[in-house]
PDB file of N, CA and C in Angstrom:
ATOM      1  N   MET A   1      51.283  39.948  31.518  1.00  0.00           N
ATOM      2  CA  MET A   1      51.808  41.210  31.715  1.00  0.00           C
ATOM      3  C   MET A   1      50.919  41.688  32.998  1.00  0.00           C
ATOM      4  N   THR A   2      51.420  42.034  33.893  1.00  0.00           N
ATOM      5  CA  THR A   2      50.740  43.017  34.699  1.00  0.00           C
ATOM      6  C   THR A   2      50.889  44.200  34.937  1.00  0.00           C
ATOM      7  N   ARG A   3      49.793  44.703  35.643  1.00  0.00           N
ATOM      8  CA  ARG A   3      49.770  46.297  35.493  1.00  0.00           C
ATOM      9  C   ARG A   3      50.792  46.817  35.990  1.00  0.00           C
ATOM     10  N   ILE A   4      51.733  46.283  37.187  1.00  0.00           N
ATOM     11  CA  ILE A   4      52.928  46.645  37.965  1.00  0.00           C
ATOM     12  C   ILE A   4      53.888  46.653  36.771  1.00  0.00           C
ATOM     13  N   GLN A   5      54.223  45.913  36.022  1.00  0.00           N
ATOM     14  CA  GLN A   5      55.034  45.767  35.300  1.00  0.00           C
ATOM     15  C   GLN A   5      54.883  46.992  33.729  1.00  0.00           C
ATOM     16  N   TYR A   6      53.623  47.128  33.581  1.00  0.00           N
ATOM     17  CA  TYR A   6      53.329  48.479  32.615  1.00  0.00           C
ATOM     18  C   TYR A   6      53.801  49.818  33.360  1.00  0.00           C
ATOM     19  N   GLN A   7      53.428  49.763  34.866  1.00  0.00           N
ATOM     20  CA  GLN A   7      53.665  51.124  35.576  1.00  0.00           C
ATOM     21  C   GLN A   7      54.978  51.224  35.487  1.00  0.00           C
ATOM     22  N   GLU A   8      55.729  50.073  35.926  1.00  0.00           N
ATOM     23  CA  GLU A   8      57.273  50.477  36.034  1.00  0.00           C
ATOM     24  C   GLU A   8      57.915  50.805  34.707  1.00  0.00           C
ATOM     25  N   CYS A   9      57.289  50.574  33.392  1.00  0.00           N
ATOM     26  CA  CYS A   9      58.088  51.009  32.506  1.00  0.00           C
ATOM     27  C   CYS A   9      57.559  52.381  31.884  1.00  0.00           C
ATOM     28  N   ILE A  10      55.836  52.552  32.510  1.00  0.00           N
ATOM     29  CA  ILE A  10      55.749  53.650  32.192  1.00  0.00           C
ATOM     30  C   ILE A  10      56.720  54.908  33.062  1.00  0.00           C
ATOM     31  N   ASN A  11      56.832  54.516  34.160  1.00  0.00           N
ATOM     32  CA  ASN A  11      57.957  55.628  35.171  1.00  0.00           C
ATOM     33  C   ASN A  11      59.132  55.670  34.565  1.00  0.00           C
ATOM     34  N   ALA A  12      59.774  54.575  34.133  1.00  0.00           N
ATOM     35  CA  ALA A  12      61.358  54.820  33.715  1.00  0.00           C
ATOM     36  C   ALA A  12      61.095  55.554  32.107  1.00  0.00           C
ATOM     37  N   LEU A  13      59.839  55.644  31.594  1.00  0.00           N
ATOM     38  CA  LEU A  13      59.650  56.476  30.437  1.00  0.00           C
ATOM     39  C   LEU A  13      59.631  57.972  30.576  1.00  0.00           C
ATOM     40  N   ILE A  14      58.776  57.956  31.617  1.00  0.00           N
ATOM     41  CA  ILE A  14      58.523  59.505  32.043  1.00  0.00           C
ATOM     42  C   ILE A  14      60.226  59.986  32.750  1.00  0.00           C
ATOM     43  N   LYS A  15      60.623  59.185  33.078  1.00  0.00           N
ATOM     44  CA  LYS A  15      62.194  59.890  33.599  1.00  0.00           C
ATOM     45  C   LYS A  15      62.953  59.999  32.581  1.00  0.00           C
ATOM     46  N   CYS A  16      62.881  59.230  31.563  1.00  0.00           N
ATOM     47  CA  CYS A  16      63.790  59.490  30.319  1.00  0.00           C
ATOM     48  C   CYS A  16      63.123  60.903  29.531  1.00  0.00           C
ATOM     49  N   MET A  17      61.967  60.746  29.153  1.00  0.00           N
ATOM     50  CA  MET A  17      61.420  61.886  28.875  1.00  0.00           C
ATOM     51  C   MET A  17      61.730  63.249  29.367  1.00  0.00           C
ATOM     52  N   ASP A  18      61.580  63.176  30.711  1.00  0.00           N
ATOM     53  CA  ASP A  18      62.086  64.471  31.332  1.00  0.00           C
ATOM     54  C   ASP A  18      63.656  64.695  31.291  1.00  0.00           C
ATOM     55  N   ALA A  19      64.400  63.640  31.354  1.00  0.00           N
ATOM     56  CA  ALA A  19      65.951  63.810  31.511  1.00  0.00           C
ATOM     57  C   ALA A  19      66.136  64.392  30.088  1.00  0.00           C
ATOM     58  N   CYS A  20      65.762  63.674  28.950  1.00  0.00           N
ATOM     59  CA  CYS A  20      66.045  64.039  27.500  1.00  0.00           C
ATOM     60  C   CYS A  20      65.640  65.567  27.148  1.00  0.00           C
ATOM     61  N   ASN A  21      64.652  65.869  27.769  1.00  0.00           N
ATOM     62  CA  ASN A  21      63.832  67.607  27.538  1.00  0.00           C
ATOM     63  C   ASN A  21      64.641  68.564  28.529  1.00  0.00           C
ATOM     64  N   TYR A  22      65.171  68.076  29.304  1.00  0.00           N
ATOM     65  CA  TYR A  22      65.918  68.805  30.022  1.00  0.00           C
ATOM     66  C   TYR A  22      67.316  69.166  29.315  1.00  0.00           C
ATOM     67  N   SER A  23      68.047  67.893  28.947  1.00  0.00           N
ATOM     68  CA  SER A  23      69.196  67.690  28.168  1.00  0.00           C
ATOM     69  C   SER A  23      69.368  68.833  27.060  1.00  0.00           C
ATOM     70  N   TYR A  24      67.802  68.552  26.410  1.00  0.00           N
ATOM     71  CA  TYR A  24      67.635  69.079  24.982  1.00  0.00           C
ATOM     72  C   TYR A  24      67.534  70.770  25.166  1.00  0.00           C
ATOM     73  N   VAL A  25      67.213  71.182  26.102  1.00  0.00           N
ATOM     74  CA  VAL A  25      66.819  72.579  26.557  1.00  0.00           C
ATOM     75  C   VAL A  25      68.624  72.732  27.034  1.00  0.00           C
ATOM     76  N   SER A  26      68.992  72.477  27.902  1.00  0.00           N
ATOM     77  CA  SER A  26      70.516  72.646  28.101  1.00  0.00           C
ATOM     78  C   SER A  26      71.458  72.971  27.110  1.00  0.00           C
ATOM     79  N   SER A  27      71.573  71.803  26.394  1.00  0.00           N
ATOM     80  CA  SER A  27      72.368  71.880  25.083  1.00  0.00           C
ATOM     81  C   SER A  27      72.259  72.906  24.075  1.00  0.00           C
ATOM     82  N   LEU A  28      71.003  73.506  24.269  1.00  0.00           N
ATOM     83  CA  LEU A  28      71.092  74.667  23.336  1.00  0.00           C
ATOM     84  C   LEU A  28      71.469  75.975  23.903  1.00  0.00           C
ATOM     85  N   LYS A  29      71.953  76.057  25.017  1.00  0.00           N
ATOM     86  CA  LYS A  29      72.350  76.867  25.876  1.00  0.00           C
ATOM     87  C   LYS A  29      74.137  76.895  25.799  1.00  0.00           C
ATOM     88  N   GLU A  30      74.585  75.618  25.448  1.00  0.00           N
ATOM     89  CA  GLU A  30      75.978  75.384  25.075  1.00  0.00           C
ATOM     90  C   GLU A  30      76.689  75.960  23.882  1.00  0.00           C
ATOM     91  N   TYR A  31      77.748  76.448  24.233  1.00  0.00           N
ATOM     92  CA  TYR A  31      78.961  76.986  23.003  1.00  0.00           C
ATOM     93  C   TYR A  31      78.971  76.264  22.090  1.00  0.00           C
ATOM     94  N   ASP A  32      79.357  74.972  22.304  1.00  0.00           N
ATOM     95  CA  ASP A  32      79.659  73.875  20.993  1.00  0.00           C
ATOM     96  C   ASP A  32      78.385  73.436  20.322  1.00  0.00           C
ATOM     97  N   LEU A  33      77.404  74.008  19.901  1.00  0.00           N
ATOM     98  CA  LEU A  33      76.257  73.485  19.347  1.00  0.00           C
ATOM     99  C   LEU A  33      76.528  72.462  18.225  1.00  0.00           C
ATOM    100  N   ALA A  34      77.504  72.827  17.257  1.00  0.00           N
ATOM    101  CA  ALA A  34      77.972  72.244  16.160  1.00  0.00           C
ATOM    102  C   ALA A  34      78.410  70.565  16.900  1.00  0.00           C
ATOM    103  N   ASP A  35      78.856  70.704  17.569  1.00  0.00           N
ATOM    104  CA  ASP A  35      79.336  69.000  18.266  1.00  0.00           C
ATOM    105  C   ASP A  35      78.127  68.724  18.866  1.00  0.00           C
ATOM    106  N   LEU A  36      77.219  69.172  19.367  1.00  0.00           N
ATOM    107  CA  LEU A  36      76.118  68.536  20.098  1.00  0.00           C
ATOM    108  C   LEU A  36      74.765  68.484  18.931  1.00  0.00           C
ATOM    109  N   ARG A  37      74.558  68.959  17.795  1.00  0.00           N
ATOM    110  CA  ARG A  37      73.496  68.655  16.873  1.00  0.00           C
ATOM    111  C   ARG A  37      73.192  67.267  16.991  1.00  0.00           C
ATOM    112  N   GLU A  38      73.897  66.085  16.932  1.00  0.00           N
ATOM    113  CA  GLU A  38      73.295  65.071  16.552  1.00  0.00           C
ATOM    114  C   GLU A  38      72.481  64.625  18.111  1.00  0.00           C
ATOM    115  N   SER A  39      73.063  64.996  19.334  1.00  0.00           N
ATOM    116  CA  SER A  39      72.771  64.850  20.597  1.00  0.00           C
ATOM    117  C   SER A  39      71.366  65.325  20.793  1.00  0.00           C
ATOM    118  N   ILE A  40      71.306  66.754  19.892  1.00  0.00           N
ATOM    119  CA  ILE A  40      70.100  67.491  20.367  1.00  0.00           C
ATOM    120  C   ILE A  40      69.052  66.980  19.638  1.00  0.00           C
ATOM    121  N   GLN A  41      69.256  66.214  18.745  1.00  0.00           N
ATOM    122  CA  GLN A  41      68.284  65.851  17.621  1.00  0.00           C
ATOM    123  C   GLN A  41      67.548  64.468  18.436  1.00  0.00           C
ATOM    124  N   LEU A  42      68.699  63.900  18.980  1.00  0.00           N
ATOM    125  CA  LEU A  42      67.992  62.494  19.355  1.00  0.00           C
ATOM    126  C   LEU A  42      67.614  62.856  20.832  1.00  0.00           C
ATOM    127  N   ASP A  43      67.748  63.689  21.452  1.00  0.00           N
ATOM    128  CA  ASP A  43      67.013  64.095  22.716  1.00  0.00           C
ATOM    129  C   ASP A  43      65.693  64.521  22.556  1.00  0.00           C
ATOM    130  N   ARG A  44      65.468  64.828  21.433  1.00  0.00           N
ATOM    131  CA  ARG A  44      64.012  65.380  20.869  1.00  0.00           C
ATOM    132  C   ARG A  44      63.241  64.162  20.498  1.00  0.00           C
ATOM    133  N   GLU A  45      64.140  63.508  19.541  1.00  0.00           N
ATOM    134  CA  GLU A  45      63.548  61.820  19.240  1.00  0.00           C
ATOM    135  C   GLU A  45      63.003  61.188  20.278  1.00  0.00           C
ATOM    136  N   CYS A  46      64.000  61.081  21.151  1.00  0.00           N
ATOM    137  CA  CYS A  46      63.629  60.216  22.646  1.00  0.00           C
ATOM    138  C   CYS A  46      62.808  60.637  23.113  1.00  0.00           C
ATOM    139  N   ALA A  47      62.677  61.706  23.595  1.00  0.00           N
ATOM    140  CA  ALA A  47      61.441  62.216  24.590  1.00  0.00           C
ATOM    141  C   ALA A  47      60.110  62.076  23.932  1.00  0.00           C
ATOM    142  N   ASP A  48      59.998  62.519  22.333  1.00  0.00           N
ATOM    143  CA  ASP A  48      58.791  62.031  21.724  1.00  0.00           C
ATOM    144  C   ASP A  48      58.309  60.847  21.714  1.00  0.00           C
ATOM    145  N   ILE A  49      59.351  59.838  21.380  1.00  0.00           N
ATOM    146  CA  ILE A  49      59.101  58.183  21.270  1.00  0.00           C
ATOM    147  C   ILE A  49      58.557  58.062  22.631  1.00  0.00           C
ATOM    148  N   CYS A  50      59.241  58.533  23.971  1.00  0.00           N
ATOM    149  CA  CYS A  50      58.606  58.170  25.151  1.00  0.00           C
ATOM    150  C   CYS A  50      57.629  58.579  25.708  1.00  0.00           C
ATOM    151  N   SER A  51      57.097  59.488  25.162  1.00  0.00           N
ATOM    152  CA  SER A  51      55.804  60.229  25.323  1.00  0.00           C
ATOM    153  C   SER A  51      54.994  59.010  24.553  1.00  0.00           C
ATOM    154  N   PHE A  52      55.179  59.048  23.264  1.00  0.00           N
ATOM    155  CA  PHE A  52      54.139  58.101  22.420  1.00  0.00           C
ATOM    156  C   PHE A  52      54.219  56.777  22.826  1.00  0.00           C
ATOM    157  N   ALA A  53      55.265  56.140  23.528  1.00  0.00           N
ATOM    158  CA  ALA A  53      55.181  54.907  24.204  1.00  0.00           C
ATOM    159  C   ALA A  53      53.967  54.957  25.218  1.00  0.00           C
ATOM    160  N   ILE A  54      53.924  55.847  26.170  1.00  0.00           N
ATOM    161  CA  ILE A  54      53.191  55.725  27.285  1.00  0.00           C
ATOM    162  C   ILE A  54      52.221  56.281  26.915  1.00  0.00           C
ATOM    163  N   GLN A  55      51.531  57.053  25.599  1.00  0.00           N
ATOM    164  CA  GLN A  55      50.170  57.337  25.313  1.00  0.00           C
ATOM    165  C   GLN A  55      49.874  55.374  24.652  1.00  0.00           C
ATOM    166  N   ALA A  56      50.455  54.845  24.310  1.00  0.00           N
ATOM    167  CA  ALA A  56      50.493  53.648  23.630  1.00  0.00           C
ATOM    168  C   ALA A  56      50.144  52.369  24.582  1.00  0.00           C
ATOM    169  N   MET A  57      50.783  52.608  25.413  1.00  0.00           N
ATOM    170  CA  MET A  57      50.902  51.931  26.579  1.00  0.00           C
ATOM    171  C   MET A  57      49.347  52.264  27.576  1.00  0.00           C
ATOM    172  N   THR A  58      49.260  53.426  27.651  1.00  0.00           N
ATOM    173  CA  THR A  58      47.867  53.382  28.690  1.00  0.00           C
ATOM    174  C   THR A  58      46.587  53.386  27.728  1.00  0.00           C
ATOM    175  N   ARG A  59      46.650  53.206  26.475  1.00  0.00           N
ATOM    176  CA  ARG A  59      45.580  52.988  25.682  1.00  0.00           C
ATOM    177  C   ARG A  59      45.369  51.559  25.120  1.00  0.00           C
ATOM    178  N   ARG A  60      46.101  50.749  25.839  1.00  0.00           N
ATOM    179  CA  ARG A  60      46.261  49.127  25.590  1.00  0.00           C
ATOM    180  C   ARG A  60      46.140  49.167  23.761  1.00  0.00           C
ATOM    181  N   SER A  61      47.108  50.026  23.146  1.00  0.00           N
ATOM    182  CA  SER A  61      47.593  49.856  21.637  1.00  0.00           C
ATOM    183  C   SER A  61      47.854  48.634  21.535  1.00  0.00           C
ATOM    184  N   PRO A  62      47.117  48.058  19.936  1.00  0.00           N
ATOM    185  CA  PRO A  62      47.473  46.764  19.753  1.00  0.00           C
ATOM    186  C   PRO A  62      49.101  46.527  19.099  1.00  0.00           C
ATOM    187  N   PHE A  63      49.809  47.846  18.944  1.00  0.00           N
ATOM    188  CA  PHE A  63      50.912  47.879  18.474  1.00  0.00           C
ATOM    189  C   PHE A  63      51.878  48.164  19.641  1.00  0.00           C
ATOM    190  N   VAL A  64      51.653  48.083  20.655  1.00  0.00           N
ATOM    191  CA  VAL A  64      52.641  48.306  21.954  1.00  0.00           C
ATOM    192  C   VAL A  64      53.993  47.779  21.796  1.00  0.00           C
ATOM    193  N   ALA A  65      54.088  46.716  21.520  1.00  0.00           N
ATOM    194  CA  ALA A  65      55.083  45.906  21.633  1.00  0.00           C
ATOM    195  C   ALA A  65      55.960  46.348  20.578  1.00  0.00           C
ATOM    196  N   GLU A  66      55.551  46.907  19.448  1.00  0.00           N
ATOM    197  CA  GLU A  66      56.559  47.161  18.142  1.00  0.00           C
ATOM    198  C   GLU A  66      56.946  48.468  18.656  1.00  0.00           C
ATOM    199  N   ILE A  67      55.918  49.311  19.106  1.00  0.00           N
ATOM    200  CA  ILE A  67      56.411  50.793  19.668  1.00  0.00           C
ATOM    201  C   ILE A  67      57.294  50.935  20.637  1.00  0.00           C
ATOM    202  N   LEU A  68      57.251  49.870  21.661  1.00  0.00           N
ATOM    203  CA  LEU A  68      58.091  49.763  22.743  1.00  0.00           C
ATOM    204  C   LEU A  68      59.449  49.309  22.016  1.00  0.00           C
ATOM    205  N   LYS A  69      59.474  48.258  20.954  1.00  0.00           N
ATOM    206  CA  LYS A  69      60.701  47.950  20.707  1.00  0.00           C
ATOM    207  C   LYS A  69      61.572  49.030  19.935  1.00  0.00           C
ATOM    208  N   LEU A  70      60.856  50.005  19.186  1.00  0.00           N
ATOM    209  CA  LEU A  70      61.480  51.237  18.628  1.00  0.00           C
ATOM    210  C   LEU A  70      61.959  52.316  19.569  1.00  0.00           C
ATOM    211  N   CYS A  71      60.986  52.315  20.353  1.00  0.00           N
ATOM    212  CA  CYS A  71      61.582  53.322  21.665  1.00  0.00           C
ATOM    213  C   CYS A  71      62.683  52.743  22.538  1.00  0.00           C
ATOM    214  N   ALA A  72      62.772  51.443  22.688  1.00  0.00           N
ATOM    215  CA  ALA A  72      64.136  51.019  23.222  1.00  0.00           C
ATOM    216  C   ALA A  72      65.333  51.470  22.366  1.00  0.00           C
ATOM    217  N   ASP A  73      65.210  51.243  21.267  1.00  0.00           N
ATOM    218  CA  ASP A  73      66.313  51.579  20.225  1.00  0.00           C
ATOM    219  C   ASP A  73      66.596  52.889  20.093  1.00  0.00           C
ATOM    220  N   ILE A  74      65.532  53.447  20.117  1.00  0.00           N
ATOM    221  CA  ILE A  74      66.049  55.275  20.294  1.00  0.00           C
ATOM    222  C   ILE A  74      66.580  55.548  21.462  1.00  0.00           C
ATOM    223  N   CYS A  75      66.107  54.805  22.515  1.00  0.00           N
ATOM    224  CA  CYS A  75      66.801  55.385  23.780  1.00  0.00           C
ATOM    225  C   CYS A  75      68.084  54.989  23.745  1.00  0.00           C
ATOM    226  N   ASP A  76      68.277  53.775  23.236  1.00  0.00           N
ATOM    227  CA  ASP A  76      69.475  53.269  23.554  1.00  0.00           C
ATOM    228  C   ASP A  76      70.756  54.106  22.586  1.00  0.00           C
ATOM    229  N   ARG A  77      70.106  54.596  21.378  1.00  0.00           N
ATOM    230  CA  ARG A  77      70.884  55.610  20.415  1.00  0.00           C
ATOM    231  C   ARG A  77      71.109  56.869  21.042  1.00  0.00           C
ATOM    232  N   CYS A  78      70.279  57.219  21.867  1.00  0.00           N
ATOM    233  CA  CYS A  78      70.326  58.654  22.887  1.00  0.00           C
ATOM    234  C   CYS A  78      71.537  58.400  23.697  1.00  0.00           C
ATOM    235  N   ALA A  79      71.482  57.603  24.673  1.00  0.00           N
ATOM    236  CA  ALA A  79      72.423  57.131  25.376  1.00  0.00           C
ATOM    237  C   ALA A  79      73.947  57.091  24.768  1.00  0.00           C
ATOM    238  N   ASP A  80      73.872  56.138  23.790  1.00  0.00           N
ATOM    239  CA  ASP A  80      75.090  56.213  22.934  1.00  0.00           C
ATOM    240  C   ASP A  80      75.639  57.544  22.649  1.00  0.00           C
ATOM    241  N   THR A  81      74.752  58.532  21.855  1.00  0.00           N
ATOM    242  CA  THR A  81      75.359  59.852  21.585  1.00  0.00           C
ATOM    243  C   THR A  81      75.613  60.619  22.857  1.00  0.00           C
ATOM    244  N   SER A  82      75.063  60.487  23.773  1.00  0.00           N
ATOM    245  CA  SER A  82      75.082  61.357  24.983  1.00  0.00           C
ATOM    246  C   SER A  82      76.485  61.183  25.580  1.00  0.00           C
ATOM    247  N   SER A  83      77.058  59.687  25.435  1.00  0.00           N
ATOM    248  CA  SER A  83      77.922  59.225  26.200  1.00  0.00           C
ATOM    249  C   SER A  83      78.981  59.948  25.629  1.00  0.00           C
ATOM    250  N   ARG A  84      78.857  60.397  24.142  1.00  0.00           N
ATOM    251  CA  ARG A  84      80.319  61.146  23.788  1.00  0.00           C
ATOM    252  C   ARG A  84      80.789  62.410  24.298  1.00  0.00           C
ATOM    253  N   HIS A  85      79.770  62.967  25.182  1.00  0.00           N
ATOM    254  CA  HIS A  85      79.757  64.303  25.577  1.00  0.00           C
ATOM    255  C   HIS A  85      80.075  64.235  27.235  1.00  0.00           C
ATOM    256  N   LYS A  86      80.729  65.468  27.685  1.00  0.00           N
ATOM    257  CA  LYS A  86      80.984  65.536  29.197  1.00  0.00           C
ATOM    258  C   LYS A  86      80.079  66.574  30.288  1.00  0.00           C
ATOM    259  N   HIS A  87      79.287  66.904  29.231  1.00  0.00           N
ATOM    260  CA  HIS A  87      78.107  67.849  30.095  1.00  0.00           C
ATOM    261  C   HIS A  87      77.392  66.999  30.930  1.00  0.00           C
ATOM    262  N   ASN A  88      76.955  67.799  32.082  1.00  0.00           N
ATOM    263  CA  ASN A  88      76.423  67.104  32.883  1.00  0.00           C
ATOM    264  C   ASN A  88      75.093  66.886  32.386  1.00  0.00           C
ATOM    265  N   HIS A  89      74.143  67.573  31.731  1.00  0.00           N
ATOM    266  CA  HIS A  89      72.894  67.127  31.314  1.00  0.00           C
ATOM    267  C   HIS A  89      72.907  66.142  30.436  1.00  0.00           C
ATOM    268  N   CYS A  90      74.216  65.718  29.458  1.00  0.00           N
ATOM    269  CA  CYS A  90      74.212  64.717  28.754  1.00  0.00           C
ATOM    270  C   CYS A  90      74.579  63.177  29.335  1.00  0.00           C
ATOM    271  N   GLN A  91      75.403  63.641  30.536  1.00  0.00           N
ATOM    272  CA  GLN A  91      75.453  62.385  31.406  1.00  0.00           C
ATOM    273  C   GLN A  91      74.344  61.881  32.387  1.00  0.00           C
ATOM    274  N   ASP A  92      73.583  62.594  32.658  1.00  0.00           N
ATOM    275  CA  ASP A  92      71.999  62.524  33.132  1.00  0.00           C
ATOM    276  C   ASP A  92      71.187  61.735  32.225  1.00  0.00           C
ATOM    277  N   CYS A  93      71.225  62.078  30.784  1.00  0.00           N
ATOM    278  CA  CYS A  93      70.318  61.169  30.081  1.00  0.00           C
ATOM    279  C   CYS A  93      71.074  59.766  29.791  1.00  0.00           C
ATOM    280  N   ILE A  94      72.154  59.427  30.170  1.00  0.00           N
ATOM    281  CA  ILE A  94      72.608  57.999  29.757  1.00  0.00           C
ATOM    282  C   ILE A  94      71.996  56.886  30.512  1.00  0.00           C
ATOM    283  N   ASP A  95      71.795  56.871  31.864  1.00  0.00           N
ATOM    284  CA  ASP A  95      71.163  56.075  32.568  1.00  0.00           C
ATOM    285  C   ASP A  95      69.794  56.112  32.476  1.00  0.00           C
ATOM    286  N   THR A  96      69.083  57.269  32.555  1.00  0.00           N
ATOM    287  CA  THR A  96      67.640  57.174  32.043  1.00  0.00           C
ATOM    288  C   THR A  96      67.177  56.360  31.079  1.00  0.00           C
ATOM    289  N   CYS A  97      68.063  56.744  30.173  1.00  0.00           N
ATOM    290  CA  CYS A  97      67.866  56.328  28.409  1.00  0.00           C
ATOM    291  C   CYS A  97      68.053  54.761  28.713  1.00  0.00           C
ATOM    292  N   ARG A  98      69.425  54.182  29.354  1.00  0.00           N
ATOM    293  CA  ARG A  98      69.614  52.806  29.298  1.00  0.00           C
ATOM    294  C   ARG A  98      68.351  52.075  30.110  1.00  0.00           C
ATOM    295  N   ASN A  99      67.718  52.627  31.381  1.00  0.00           N
ATOM    296  CA  ASN A  99      66.872  52.139  32.094  1.00  0.00           C
ATOM    297  C   ASN A  99      65.273  52.005  31.328  1.00  0.00           C
ATOM    298  N   ALA A 100      65.271  52.977  30.794  1.00  0.00           N
ATOM    299  CA  ALA A 100      63.643  52.980  29.700  1.00  0.00           C
ATOM    300  C   ALA A 100      63.853  52.020  28.975  1.00  0.00           C
ATOM    301  N   ALA A 101      65.073  51.758  27.924  1.00  0.00           N
ATOM    302  CA  ALA A 101      65.496  50.840  26.978  1.00  0.00           C
ATOM    303  C   ALA A 101      65.378  49.473  27.601  1.00  0.00           C
ATOM    304  N   MET A 102      65.949  49.438  28.564  1.00  0.00           N
ATOM    305  CA  MET A 102      65.571  47.917  29.315  1.00  0.00           C
ATOM    306  C   MET A 102      64.089  47.456  29.853  1.00  0.00           C
ATOM    307  N   ALA A 103      63.581  48.748  30.467  1.00  0.00           N
ATOM    308  CA  ALA A 103      61.855  48.517  30.586  1.00  0.00           C
ATOM    309  C   ALA A 103      61.115  48.282  29.262  1.00  0.00           C
ATOM    310  N   CYS A 104      61.102  48.897  28.447  1.00  0.00           N
ATOM    311  CA  CYS A 104      60.554  48.637  27.106  1.00  0.00           C
ATOM    312  C   CYS A 104      60.596  47.203  26.676  1.00  0.00           C
ATOM    313  N   ARG A 105      62.193  46.958  26.585  1.00  0.00           N
ATOM    314  CA  ARG A 105      62.505  45.686  26.224  1.00  0.00           C
ATOM    315  C   ARG A 105      61.616  44.346  27.227  1.00  0.00           C
ATOM    316  N   ARG A 106      61.600  44.359  28.414  1.00  0.00           N
ATOM    317  CA  ARG A 106      60.918  43.403  29.288  1.00  0.00           C
ATOM    318  C   ARG A 106      59.546  43.152  28.908  1.00  0.00           C
ATOM    319  N   VAL A 107      58.922  44.857  28.862  1.00  0.00           N
ATOM    320  CA  VAL A 107      57.425  44.939  28.441  1.00  0.00           C
ATOM    321  C   VAL A 107      56.991  44.383  27.127  1.00  0.00           C
ATOM    322  N   SER A 108      57.833  44.568  26.423  1.00  0.00           N
ATOM    323  CA  SER A 108      57.587  44.220  24.858  1.00  0.00           C
ATOM    324  C   SER A 108      57.574  42.727  24.408  1.00  0.00           C
ATOM    325  N   GLU A 109      58.765  41.999  25.303  1.00  0.00           N
ATOM    326  CA  GLU A 109      58.571  40.734  25.183  1.00  0.00           C
ATOM    327  C   GLU A 109      57.464  40.147  25.798  1.00  0.00           C
ATOM    328  N   ALA A 110      57.463  40.499  27.069  1.00  0.00           N
ATOM    329  CA  ALA A 110      56.088  40.024  27.761  1.00  0.00           C
ATOM    330  C   ALA A 110      54.605  40.059  26.994  1.00  0.00           C
ATOM    331  N   VAL A 111      54.391  41.277  26.373  1.00  0.00           N
ATOM    332  CA  VAL A 111      53.324  41.654  25.616  1.00  0.00           C
ATOM    333  C   VAL A 111      53.365  40.674  24.356  1.00  0.00           C
ATOM    334  N   GLU A 112      54.572  40.237  23.905  1.00  0.00           N
ATOM    335  CA  GLU A 112      54.607  39.292  22.524  1.00  0.00           C
ATOM    336  C   GLU A 112      54.218  37.903  23.205  1.00  0.00           C
ATOM    337  N   VAL A 113      54.408  37.571  24.300  1.00  0.00           N
ATOM    338  CA  VAL A 113      54.374  36.076  25.009  1.00  0.00           C
ATOM    339  C   VAL A 113      52.573  36.142  25.122  1.00  0.00           C
ATOM    340  N   TYR A 114      51.970  37.157  25.504  1.00  0.00           N
ATOM    341  CA  TYR A 114      50.448  36.990  25.612  1.00  0.00           C
ATOM    342  C   TYR A 114      49.897  37.211  24.730  1.00  0.00           C
ATOM    343  N   ALA A 115      50.359  37.887  23.673  1.00  0.00           N
ATOM    344  CA  ALA A 115      49.576  38.327  22.074  1.00  0.00           C
ATOM    345  C   ALA A 115      49.126  36.592  21.812  1.00  0.00           C
TER     346      ALA A 115
END
């Protein structure tokens, strides 16, 4: 696992966290809150796990592979839920969540090989 691969993953997680936080706040301003309920919850979950994953990576947690796998699953779920909505802020989440999920899986697989 190289420092560059770690940094690329961290950068993807920061972008995802930012997009999810923006979508969360923007969703709360929409009129169809009931329709957005699951998306709002997943935006928060995704932003929180991205933050936690960044912390785990920067402190070289022995559980980083497992945390990144969970993060990837939550990012994918957030992207799936966001894809059901046509709001711009939901659409912006999709790509950043998918990119973060791929980055997490790459790093978690590489970490397992070196473990």
